[in-house]
Amino acid sequence: MTILQFPEDKSIQSQLEERRADLEELYSNLTRAYDLVNKIEEKTAVIEAEYNVYLRRYANAVGGIENVEVAYLEYGSEIGIDVDSGSIVFTPWSEEDETEV
């Protein structure tokens, strides 16, 4: 009786090894992508905080938030709308902050 050897490239172990190698590469790429996203988010937070300071100063210079062009409000993360009155407000700013120049 002749016994034929099953081709190695078709074995379950070989397929498992291939998938493991694929997953190792994919997980490595995901880790790099997450690291990049984290760095971008950190930089965005810094720039956003600076933008909010300049936006507040500009609002004070032009006589209040109601005089600020809508395009400038788009990226202000401290901007809110009072649902009851419909007015635009700087959410974390106190009245004292709004009077400072």
Protein backbone atom coordinates (compact mmCIF):
# COMPACT_ATOMS: atom_id res chain seq x y z
CA MET A 1 0.00 0.00 0.00
CA THR A 2 1.26 3.46 -0.91
CA ILE A 3 0.79 6.34 1.49
CA LEU A 4 0.65 9.77 -0.07
CA GLN A 5 1.87 12.67 1.99
CA PHE A 6 -0.58 15.53 2.27
CA PRO A 7 0.98 18.67 0.70
CA GLU A 8 2.36 20.92 3.41
CA ASP A 9 0.99 24.11 1.87
CA LYS A 10 -2.52 22.72 2.26
CA SER A 11 -2.16 21.65 5.87
CA ILE A 12 -4.21 23.27 8.59
CA GLN A 13 -1.06 24.20 10.49
CA SER A 14 0.37 25.95 7.43
CA GLN A 15 -2.86 27.88 6.91
CA LEU A 16 -2.90 28.78 10.58
CA GLU A 17 0.67 30.09 10.36
CA GLU A 18 -0.21 32.21 7.31
CA ARG A 19 -3.21 33.76 9.08
CA ARG A 20 -1.13 34.38 12.19
CA ALA A 21 1.48 36.23 10.12
CA ASP A 22 -1.27 38.23 8.40
CA LEU A 23 -2.83 39.17 11.73
CA GLU A 24 0.54 40.10 13.21
CA GLU A 25 1.12 42.54 10.35
CA LEU A 26 -2.42 43.93 10.54
CA TYR A 27 -2.24 44.45 14.32
CA SER A 28 1.11 46.18 13.91
CA ASN A 29 -0.40 48.49 11.30
CA LEU A 30 -3.40 49.19 13.55
CA THR A 31 -1.10 50.09 16.45
CA ARG A 32 0.80 52.55 14.26
CA ALA A 33 -2.49 54.02 12.99
CA TYR A 34 -3.84 54.43 16.54
CA ASP A 35 -0.59 56.11 17.60
CA LEU A 36 -0.86 58.53 14.68
CA VAL A 37 -4.51 59.31 15.46
CA ASN A 38 -3.59 59.94 19.10
CA LYS A 39 -0.84 62.37 18.09
CA ILE A 40 -3.22 64.20 15.75
CA GLU A 41 -5.87 64.43 18.49
CA GLU A 42 -3.33 65.81 20.96
CA LYS A 43 -2.15 68.46 18.48
CA THR A 44 -5.76 69.32 17.62
CA ALA A 45 -6.58 69.84 21.30
CA VAL A 46 -3.68 72.28 21.69
CA ILE A 47 -4.61 74.28 18.58
CA GLU A 48 -8.29 74.20 19.53
CA ALA A 49 -7.52 75.64 22.99
CA GLU A 50 -5.51 78.44 21.40
CA TYR A 51 -8.31 79.07 18.89
CA ASN A 52 -10.81 79.41 21.73
CA VAL A 53 -8.62 82.05 23.40
CA TYR A 54 -8.33 84.06 20.18
CA LEU A 55 -12.04 83.66 19.50
CA ARG A 56 -12.91 85.01 22.92
CA ARG A 57 -10.58 87.95 22.45
CA TYR A 58 -12.05 88.66 19.02
CA ALA A 59 -15.59 88.48 20.37
CA ASN A 60 -14.69 90.99 23.06
CA ALA A 61 -13.05 93.27 20.47
CA VAL A 62 -16.09 93.30 18.16
CA GLY A 63 -18.61 93.92 20.91
CA GLY A 64 -19.82 90.44 21.76
CA ILE A 65 -20.44 87.00 20.37
CA GLU A 66 -23.44 88.19 18.35
CA ASN A 67 -21.04 90.24 16.19
CA VAL A 68 -18.69 87.35 15.39
CA GLU A 69 -18.87 85.94 11.87
CA VAL A 70 -20.42 82.48 11.77
CA ALA A 71 -17.36 80.98 10.08
CA TYR A 72 -15.29 81.83 13.17
CA LEU A 73 -17.73 79.99 15.42
CA GLU A 74 -17.42 76.75 13.47
CA TYR A 75 -14.27 75.54 15.22
CA GLY A 76 -14.86 77.06 18.62
CA SER A 77 -15.21 74.12 20.98
CA GLU A 78 -16.46 76.34 23.80
CA ILE A 79 -19.44 77.62 21.85
CA GLY A 80 -22.93 76.58 22.83
CA ILE A 81 -26.46 77.56 21.99
CA ASP A 82 -28.97 78.29 24.70
CA VAL A 83 -31.93 76.23 23.55
CA ASP A 84 -34.46 78.33 25.43
CA SER A 85 -33.36 81.71 24.09
CA GLY A 86 -31.59 80.61 20.89
CA SER A 87 -28.59 82.77 21.76
CA ILE A 88 -24.98 81.77 21.20
CA VAL A 89 -22.89 81.55 24.36
CA PHE A 90 -19.35 80.70 25.30
CA THR A 91 -20.21 77.72 27.46
CA PRO A 92 -17.36 77.58 30.00
CA TRP A 93 -16.77 81.31 30.16
CA SER A 94 -18.06 83.31 33.02
CA GLU A 95 -19.40 86.84 32.76
CA GLU A 96 -16.07 88.09 34.14
CA ASP A 97 -14.22 86.46 31.25
CA GLU A 98 -16.42 88.17 28.70
CA THR A 99 -15.67 91.63 30.09
CA GLU A 100 -11.91 91.15 30.08
CA VAL A 101 -9.93 92.26 27.02
